[in-house]
Amino acid sequence: MAIVNVSKSIALKAPADQVWAFVSDFGGYAAWQPHIASVELRPDGDRLVNFTRGDSVLDRISAQDDTARTLTYELVPGQKTPMKKLAATFTVTGSGAGSDVEYAIEVDVPDEMADLARGGIGADIDGALAGLDTHFNG
């Protein structure tokens, strides 16, 4: 298995608290992440994510710190997916009128899928950050 890490960030023209309120809405990701077709929050805290490419996964928040403005979510164990693990973290920083968002994803995949995973994750992060750019920067 190979651990793949991809992390990217964007500067936004909005206060960190406003961006954090948007990013920490775990059920609202389909509205601004183009690779997500729909999201269904379940009563047990799990989230069913349906991707535009046709597959789905269950994930859940594993850590959230509203003061530090960080949210990490991970795959619910036991799913049929080539990823052994996935952990994705949004971090919002800044003060005043501007803020920065870092989106970092770490996955554990079979060795032969490492390059494919790196490219796919990078594209998903790019799409998410572009969605934030459109929403906050116009």
N, C-alpha and C. Protein backbone atom coordinates (compact mmCIF):
# COMPACT_ATOMS: atom_id res chain seq x y z
N MET A 1 0.85 -1.18 0.00
CA MET A 1 0.00 0.00 0.00
C MET A 1 0.89 1.25 0.00
N ALA A 2 0.37 2.30 -0.62
CA ALA A 2 1.10 3.57 -0.70
C ALA A 2 0.26 4.67 -0.08
N ILE A 3 0.90 5.52 0.70
CA ILE A 3 0.21 6.67 1.27
C ILE A 3 0.46 7.85 0.34
N VAL A 4 -0.63 8.47 -0.12
CA VAL A 4 -0.58 9.61 -1.03
C VAL A 4 -1.13 10.82 -0.30
N ASN A 5 -0.36 11.91 -0.31
CA ASN A 5 -0.78 13.17 0.31
C ASN A 5 -0.82 14.25 -0.75
N VAL A 6 -1.92 14.98 -0.79
CA VAL A 6 -2.04 16.14 -1.67
C VAL A 6 -2.63 17.27 -0.83
N SER A 7 -2.01 18.44 -0.90
CA SER A 7 -2.48 19.60 -0.15
C SER A 7 -2.34 20.84 -1.02
N LYS A 8 -3.40 21.63 -1.07
CA LYS A 8 -3.40 22.88 -1.83
C LYS A 8 -4.17 23.93 -1.04
N SER A 9 -3.95 25.20 -1.39
CA SER A 9 -4.65 26.26 -0.67
C SER A 9 -5.04 27.38 -1.62
N ILE A 10 -5.91 28.25 -1.09
CA ILE A 10 -6.41 29.39 -1.86
C ILE A 10 -6.63 30.57 -0.91
N ALA A 11 -6.39 31.77 -1.41
CA ALA A 11 -6.69 33.00 -0.67
C ALA A 11 -8.07 33.48 -1.08
N LEU A 12 -8.89 33.85 -0.10
CA LEU A 12 -10.25 34.30 -0.37
C LEU A 12 -10.47 35.71 0.16
N LYS A 13 -11.36 36.42 -0.49
CA LYS A 13 -11.69 37.80 -0.11
C LYS A 13 -12.91 37.81 0.81
N ALA A 14 -12.81 37.06 1.88
CA ALA A 14 -13.90 37.00 2.86
C ALA A 14 -13.30 36.68 4.22
N PRO A 15 -13.93 37.16 5.29
CA PRO A 15 -13.42 36.89 6.64
C PRO A 15 -13.41 35.39 6.94
N ALA A 16 -12.43 34.98 7.73
CA ALA A 16 -12.27 33.56 8.05
C ALA A 16 -13.52 32.96 8.70
N ASP A 17 -14.19 33.71 9.57
CA ASP A 17 -15.39 33.16 10.21
C ASP A 17 -16.50 32.88 9.20
N GLN A 18 -16.63 33.73 8.20
CA GLN A 18 -17.64 33.53 7.16
C GLN A 18 -17.28 32.31 6.30
N VAL A 19 -16.03 32.19 5.95
CA VAL A 19 -15.57 31.04 5.15
C VAL A 19 -15.72 29.76 5.96
N TRP A 20 -15.37 29.81 7.25
CA TRP A 20 -15.48 28.64 8.10
C TRP A 20 -16.94 28.17 8.19
N ALA A 21 -17.86 29.07 8.35
CA ALA A 21 -19.28 28.69 8.42
C ALA A 21 -19.70 27.95 7.15
N PHE A 22 -19.18 28.38 6.02
CA PHE A 22 -19.50 27.75 4.73
C PHE A 22 -18.83 26.38 4.61
N VAL A 23 -17.55 26.33 4.88
CA VAL A 23 -16.78 25.09 4.71
C VAL A 23 -17.19 24.02 5.73
N SER A 24 -17.58 24.41 6.91
CA SER A 24 -17.94 23.44 7.94
C SER A 24 -19.38 22.93 7.82
N ASP A 25 -20.11 23.39 6.81
CA ASP A 25 -21.44 22.84 6.53
C ASP A 25 -21.26 21.52 5.77
N PHE A 26 -21.11 20.45 6.51
CA PHE A 26 -20.73 19.15 5.95
C PHE A 26 -21.76 18.60 4.96
N GLY A 27 -22.98 19.02 5.08
CA GLY A 27 -24.01 18.57 4.16
C GLY A 27 -24.13 19.41 2.90
N GLY A 28 -23.40 20.51 2.83
CA GLY A 28 -23.55 21.44 1.71
C GLY A 28 -22.49 21.34 0.63
N TYR A 29 -21.62 20.36 0.68
CA TYR A 29 -20.49 20.30 -0.24
C TYR A 29 -20.88 20.16 -1.71
N ALA A 30 -21.99 19.51 -2.00
CA ALA A 30 -22.39 19.34 -3.41
C ALA A 30 -22.68 20.67 -4.10
N ALA A 31 -22.99 21.71 -3.32
CA ALA A 31 -23.31 23.02 -3.90
C ALA A 31 -22.07 23.72 -4.45
N TRP A 32 -20.87 23.32 -4.02
CA TRP A 32 -19.68 24.04 -4.46
C TRP A 32 -18.50 23.15 -4.86
N GLN A 33 -18.65 21.84 -4.71
CA GLN A 33 -17.60 20.94 -5.17
C GLN A 33 -18.10 20.22 -6.42
N PRO A 34 -17.56 20.55 -7.59
CA PRO A 34 -18.12 20.06 -8.85
C PRO A 34 -18.06 18.55 -9.05
N HIS A 35 -17.22 17.84 -8.33
CA HIS A 35 -17.14 16.39 -8.48
C HIS A 35 -18.16 15.65 -7.61
N ILE A 36 -18.92 16.40 -6.80
CA ILE A 36 -19.95 15.80 -5.94
C ILE A 36 -21.31 16.10 -6.52
N ALA A 37 -22.05 15.03 -6.86
CA ALA A 37 -23.40 15.20 -7.42
C ALA A 37 -24.42 15.48 -6.33
N SER A 38 -24.32 14.76 -5.20
CA SER A 38 -25.26 14.96 -4.10
C SER A 38 -24.67 14.42 -2.80
N VAL A 39 -25.25 14.88 -1.71
CA VAL A 39 -24.82 14.48 -0.37
C VAL A 39 -26.07 14.19 0.45
N GLU A 40 -26.02 13.11 1.20
CA GLU A 40 -27.13 12.77 2.10
C GLU A 40 -26.56 12.56 3.50
N LEU A 41 -26.94 13.44 4.44
CA LEU A 41 -26.52 13.26 5.83
C LEU A 41 -27.45 12.25 6.48
N ARG A 42 -26.87 11.31 7.19
CA ARG A 42 -27.65 10.26 7.85
C ARG A 42 -27.74 10.54 9.34
N PRO A 43 -28.78 10.01 9.99
CA PRO A 43 -28.97 10.28 11.42
C PRO A 43 -27.79 9.85 12.30
N ASP A 44 -27.01 8.85 11.87
CA ASP A 44 -25.89 8.37 12.67
C ASP A 44 -24.62 9.21 12.49
N GLY A 45 -24.71 10.30 11.67
CA GLY A 45 -23.56 11.16 11.44
C GLY A 45 -22.78 10.84 10.19
N ASP A 46 -23.06 9.68 9.59
CA ASP A 46 -22.40 9.34 8.34
C ASP A 46 -22.97 10.20 7.22
N ARG A 47 -22.19 10.36 6.16
CA ARG A 47 -22.61 11.14 5.00
C ARG A 47 -22.41 10.28 3.77
N LEU A 48 -23.47 10.10 2.99
CA LEU A 48 -23.37 9.40 1.71
C LEU A 48 -23.05 10.45 0.66
N VAL A 49 -21.90 10.27 -0.01
CA VAL A 49 -21.46 11.19 -1.04
C VAL A 49 -21.56 10.49 -2.39
N ASN A 50 -22.38 11.03 -3.28
CA ASN A 50 -22.52 10.51 -4.63
C ASN A 50 -21.73 11.41 -5.56
N PHE A 51 -20.75 10.81 -6.25
CA PHE A 51 -19.87 11.56 -7.13
C PHE A 51 -20.43 11.64 -8.55
N THR A 52 -20.04 12.66 -9.25
CA THR A 52 -20.50 12.83 -10.64
C THR A 52 -19.96 11.72 -11.54
N ARG A 53 -18.90 11.04 -11.14
CA ARG A 53 -18.34 9.95 -11.95
C ARG A 53 -19.08 8.63 -11.74
N GLY A 54 -20.10 8.63 -10.85
CA GLY A 54 -20.96 7.48 -10.70
C GLY A 54 -20.76 6.63 -9.46
N ASP A 55 -19.68 6.83 -8.72
CA ASP A 55 -19.47 6.05 -7.51
C ASP A 55 -19.94 6.81 -6.28
N SER A 56 -19.98 6.11 -5.15
CA SER A 56 -20.42 6.70 -3.89
C SER A 56 -19.54 6.19 -2.76
N VAL A 57 -19.43 6.98 -1.70
CA VAL A 57 -18.74 6.55 -0.49
C VAL A 57 -19.51 7.07 0.72
N LEU A 58 -19.27 6.41 1.84
CA LEU A 58 -19.74 6.91 3.13
C LEU A 58 -18.55 7.49 3.86
N ASP A 59 -18.72 8.70 4.39
CA ASP A 59 -17.68 9.28 5.22
C ASP A 59 -18.32 9.93 6.43
N ARG A 60 -17.47 10.39 7.33
CA ARG A 60 -17.96 11.04 8.55
C ARG A 60 -16.90 11.98 9.09
N ILE A 61 -17.35 12.97 9.83
CA ILE A 61 -16.41 13.88 10.48
C ILE A 61 -15.70 13.12 11.59
N SER A 62 -14.37 13.18 11.56
CA SER A 62 -13.58 12.53 12.61
C SER A 62 -13.03 13.53 13.62
N ALA A 63 -12.91 14.80 13.21
CA ALA A 63 -12.44 15.85 14.11
C ALA A 63 -12.92 17.20 13.59
N GLN A 64 -13.40 18.02 14.50
CA GLN A 64 -13.79 19.38 14.13
C GLN A 64 -13.46 20.30 15.30
N ASP A 65 -12.76 21.38 14.98
CA ASP A 65 -12.39 22.37 15.99
C ASP A 65 -12.82 23.73 15.45
N ASP A 66 -13.93 24.24 15.95
CA ASP A 66 -14.46 25.51 15.46
C ASP A 66 -13.57 26.69 15.83
N THR A 67 -12.83 26.60 16.93
CA THR A 67 -11.93 27.67 17.31
C THR A 67 -10.72 27.74 16.37
N ALA A 68 -10.14 26.58 16.07
CA ALA A 68 -9.00 26.51 15.17
C ALA A 68 -9.44 26.49 13.70
N ARG A 69 -10.74 26.35 13.48
CA ARG A 69 -11.33 26.28 12.13
C ARG A 69 -10.72 25.15 11.30
N THR A 70 -10.77 23.94 11.86
CA THR A 70 -10.33 22.75 11.13
C THR A 70 -11.43 21.70 11.17
N LEU A 71 -11.58 21.00 10.08
CA LEU A 71 -12.54 19.91 9.97
C LEU A 71 -11.87 18.79 9.21
N THR A 72 -11.87 17.61 9.80
CA THR A 72 -11.32 16.42 9.16
C THR A 72 -12.43 15.39 9.03
N TYR A 73 -12.53 14.82 7.84
CA TYR A 73 -13.46 13.72 7.65
C TYR A 73 -12.71 12.53 7.07
N GLU A 74 -13.27 11.33 7.30
CA GLU A 74 -12.62 10.12 6.83
C GLU A 74 -13.66 9.11 6.37
N LEU A 75 -13.18 8.12 5.63
CA LEU A 75 -14.07 7.07 5.15
C LEU A 75 -14.62 6.26 6.31
N VAL A 76 -15.86 5.83 6.19
CA VAL A 76 -16.42 4.86 7.12
C VAL A 76 -15.79 3.51 6.75
N PRO A 77 -15.22 2.79 7.71
CA PRO A 77 -14.55 1.52 7.41
C PRO A 77 -15.51 0.47 6.83
N GLY A 78 -14.93 -0.48 6.09
CA GLY A 78 -15.68 -1.62 5.60
C GLY A 78 -16.33 -1.45 4.24
N GLN A 79 -15.99 -0.39 3.51
CA GLN A 79 -16.58 -0.18 2.19
C GLN A 79 -15.75 -0.85 1.11
N LYS A 80 -16.41 -1.17 0.00
CA LYS A 80 -15.71 -1.73 -1.15
C LYS A 80 -15.13 -0.58 -1.96
N THR A 81 -13.89 -0.26 -1.68
CA THR A 81 -13.17 0.80 -2.37
C THR A 81 -11.69 0.43 -2.34
N PRO A 82 -10.95 0.80 -3.37
CA PRO A 82 -9.52 0.47 -3.34
C PRO A 82 -8.74 1.25 -2.27
N MET A 83 -9.34 2.31 -1.73
CA MET A 83 -8.68 3.07 -0.67
C MET A 83 -8.83 2.34 0.65
N LYS A 84 -7.72 2.10 1.30
CA LYS A 84 -7.78 1.50 2.64
C LYS A 84 -8.22 2.54 3.65
N LYS A 85 -7.70 3.77 3.48
CA LYS A 85 -8.05 4.88 4.36
C LYS A 85 -8.08 6.16 3.56
N LEU A 86 -8.86 7.10 4.02
CA LEU A 86 -8.88 8.46 3.49
C LEU A 86 -9.12 9.41 4.64
N ALA A 87 -8.32 10.44 4.71
CA ALA A 87 -8.54 11.52 5.68
C ALA A 87 -8.39 12.84 4.93
N ALA A 88 -9.39 13.67 5.01
CA ALA A 88 -9.38 14.96 4.33
C ALA A 88 -9.60 16.06 5.36
N THR A 89 -8.80 17.12 5.26
CA THR A 89 -8.87 18.20 6.25
C THR A 89 -8.96 19.55 5.57
N PHE A 90 -9.95 20.34 6.00
CA PHE A 90 -10.05 21.75 5.64
C PHE A 90 -9.53 22.56 6.83
N THR A 91 -8.68 23.53 6.55
CA THR A 91 -8.20 24.46 7.56
C THR A 91 -8.40 25.88 7.03
N VAL A 92 -9.10 26.70 7.81
CA VAL A 92 -9.35 28.10 7.43
C VAL A 92 -8.58 29.00 8.37
N THR A 93 -7.75 29.89 7.81
CA THR A 93 -6.97 30.82 8.63
C THR A 93 -7.17 32.24 8.11
N GLY A 94 -6.76 33.19 8.90
CA GLY A 94 -6.82 34.58 8.48
C GLY A 94 -7.55 35.45 9.48
N SER A 95 -7.40 36.74 9.27
CA SER A 95 -8.09 37.71 10.10
C SER A 95 -8.42 38.90 9.23
N GLY A 96 -9.33 39.71 9.69
CA GLY A 96 -9.73 40.87 8.90
C GLY A 96 -10.59 40.45 7.72
N ALA A 97 -10.38 41.10 6.59
CA ALA A 97 -11.25 40.91 5.43
C ALA A 97 -10.89 39.70 4.57
N GLY A 98 -9.74 39.08 4.80
CA GLY A 98 -9.31 37.98 3.96
C GLY A 98 -9.04 36.72 4.74
N SER A 99 -8.97 35.61 4.03
CA SER A 99 -8.68 34.33 4.67
C SER A 99 -8.01 33.40 3.67
N ASP A 100 -7.47 32.32 4.19
CA ASP A 100 -6.88 31.27 3.38
C ASP A 100 -7.52 29.95 3.76
N VAL A 101 -7.70 29.09 2.76
CA VAL A 101 -8.22 27.75 3.00
C VAL A 101 -7.21 26.76 2.47
N GLU A 102 -6.82 25.82 3.33
CA GLU A 102 -6.00 24.70 2.90
C GLU A 102 -6.89 23.46 2.89
N TYR A 103 -6.79 22.67 1.83
CA TYR A 103 -7.53 21.42 1.71
C TYR A 103 -6.48 20.34 1.50
N ALA A 104 -6.35 19.44 2.45
CA ALA A 104 -5.35 18.37 2.40
C ALA A 104 -6.04 17.02 2.47
N ILE A 105 -5.63 16.12 1.59
CA ILE A 105 -6.20 14.77 1.57
C ILE A 105 -5.06 13.76 1.61
N GLU A 106 -5.22 12.76 2.48
CA GLU A 106 -4.29 11.64 2.55
C GLU A 106 -5.07 10.35 2.33
N VAL A 107 -4.58 9.52 1.41
CA VAL A 107 -5.21 8.22 1.16
C VAL A 107 -4.16 7.12 1.21
N ASP A 108 -4.62 5.94 1.54
CA ASP A 108 -3.79 4.74 1.53
C ASP A 108 -4.37 3.84 0.44
N VAL A 109 -3.62 3.67 -0.64
CA VAL A 109 -4.10 2.93 -1.81
C VAL A 109 -3.07 1.87 -2.21
N PRO A 110 -3.50 0.89 -3.03
CA PRO A 110 -2.51 -0.07 -3.55
C PRO A 110 -1.41 0.67 -4.31
N ASP A 111 -0.19 0.15 -4.23
CA ASP A 111 0.97 0.80 -4.84
C ASP A 111 0.73 1.18 -6.29
N GLU A 112 0.11 0.30 -7.04
CA GLU A 112 -0.10 0.55 -8.47
C GLU A 112 -1.10 1.67 -8.74
N MET A 113 -1.81 2.12 -7.74
CA MET A 113 -2.79 3.19 -7.91
C MET A 113 -2.29 4.54 -7.40
N ALA A 114 -1.07 4.62 -6.90
CA ALA A 114 -0.58 5.84 -6.27
C ALA A 114 -0.61 7.04 -7.21
N ASP A 115 -0.10 6.89 -8.42
CA ASP A 115 -0.09 8.02 -9.35
C ASP A 115 -1.50 8.43 -9.77
N LEU A 116 -2.35 7.43 -10.02
CA LEU A 116 -3.74 7.72 -10.37
C LEU A 116 -4.45 8.43 -9.23
N ALA A 117 -4.22 7.97 -8.00
CA ALA A 117 -4.84 8.59 -6.83
C ALA A 117 -4.36 10.03 -6.67
N ARG A 118 -3.06 10.24 -6.85
CA ARG A 118 -2.50 11.60 -6.70
C ARG A 118 -3.17 12.56 -7.70
N GLY A 119 -3.32 12.12 -8.95
CA GLY A 119 -3.96 12.96 -9.96
C GLY A 119 -5.43 13.20 -9.68
N GLY A 120 -6.16 12.15 -9.29
CA GLY A 120 -7.59 12.29 -9.01
C GLY A 120 -7.86 13.16 -7.80
N ILE A 121 -7.07 12.95 -6.75
CA ILE A 121 -7.24 13.77 -5.55
C ILE A 121 -6.90 15.23 -5.85
N GLY A 122 -5.83 15.43 -6.59
CA GLY A 122 -5.46 16.80 -6.97
C GLY A 122 -6.56 17.49 -7.74
N ALA A 123 -7.19 16.76 -8.66
CA ALA A 123 -8.29 17.33 -9.44
C ALA A 123 -9.50 17.64 -8.56
N ASP A 124 -9.80 16.74 -7.61
CA ASP A 124 -10.92 16.99 -6.69
C ASP A 124 -10.65 18.22 -5.82
N ILE A 125 -9.42 18.33 -5.32
CA ILE A 125 -9.06 19.51 -4.52
C ILE A 125 -9.14 20.77 -5.37
N ASP A 126 -8.61 20.72 -6.59
CA ASP A 126 -8.69 21.87 -7.49
C ASP A 126 -10.13 22.31 -7.69
N GLY A 127 -11.02 21.34 -7.91
CA GLY A 127 -12.44 21.67 -8.11
C GLY A 127 -13.06 22.30 -6.88
N ALA A 128 -12.73 21.76 -5.71
CA ALA A 128 -13.27 22.32 -4.46
C ALA A 128 -12.78 23.75 -4.24
N LEU A 129 -11.48 23.97 -4.46
CA LEU A 129 -10.95 25.32 -4.26
C LEU A 129 -11.49 26.28 -5.31
N ALA A 130 -11.72 25.80 -6.52
CA ALA A 130 -12.34 26.65 -7.55
C ALA A 130 -13.77 27.02 -7.14
N GLY A 131 -14.48 26.08 -6.51
CA GLY A 131 -15.81 26.38 -6.01
C GLY A 131 -15.79 27.45 -4.93
N LEU A 132 -14.81 27.38 -4.05
CA LEU A 132 -14.67 28.42 -3.03
C LEU A 132 -14.30 29.75 -3.66
N ASP A 133 -13.42 29.71 -4.65
CA ASP A 133 -13.03 30.93 -5.36
C ASP A 133 -14.24 31.60 -5.99
N THR A 134 -15.06 30.82 -6.66
CA THR A 134 -16.26 31.37 -7.31
C THR A 134 -17.21 31.95 -6.27
N HIS A 135 -17.40 31.24 -5.17
CA HIS A 135 -18.35 31.67 -4.15
C HIS A 135 -17.89 32.96 -3.44
N PHE A 136 -16.61 33.02 -3.10
CA PHE A 136 -16.12 34.14 -2.28
C PHE A 136 -15.40 35.24 -3.05
N ASN A 137 -14.79 34.90 -4.17
CA ASN A 137 -14.02 35.88 -4.91
C ASN A 137 -14.73 36.36 -6.17
N GLY A 138 -15.82 35.69 -6.51
CA GLY A 138 -16.60 36.09 -7.70
C GLY A 138 -16.02 35.68 -8.93
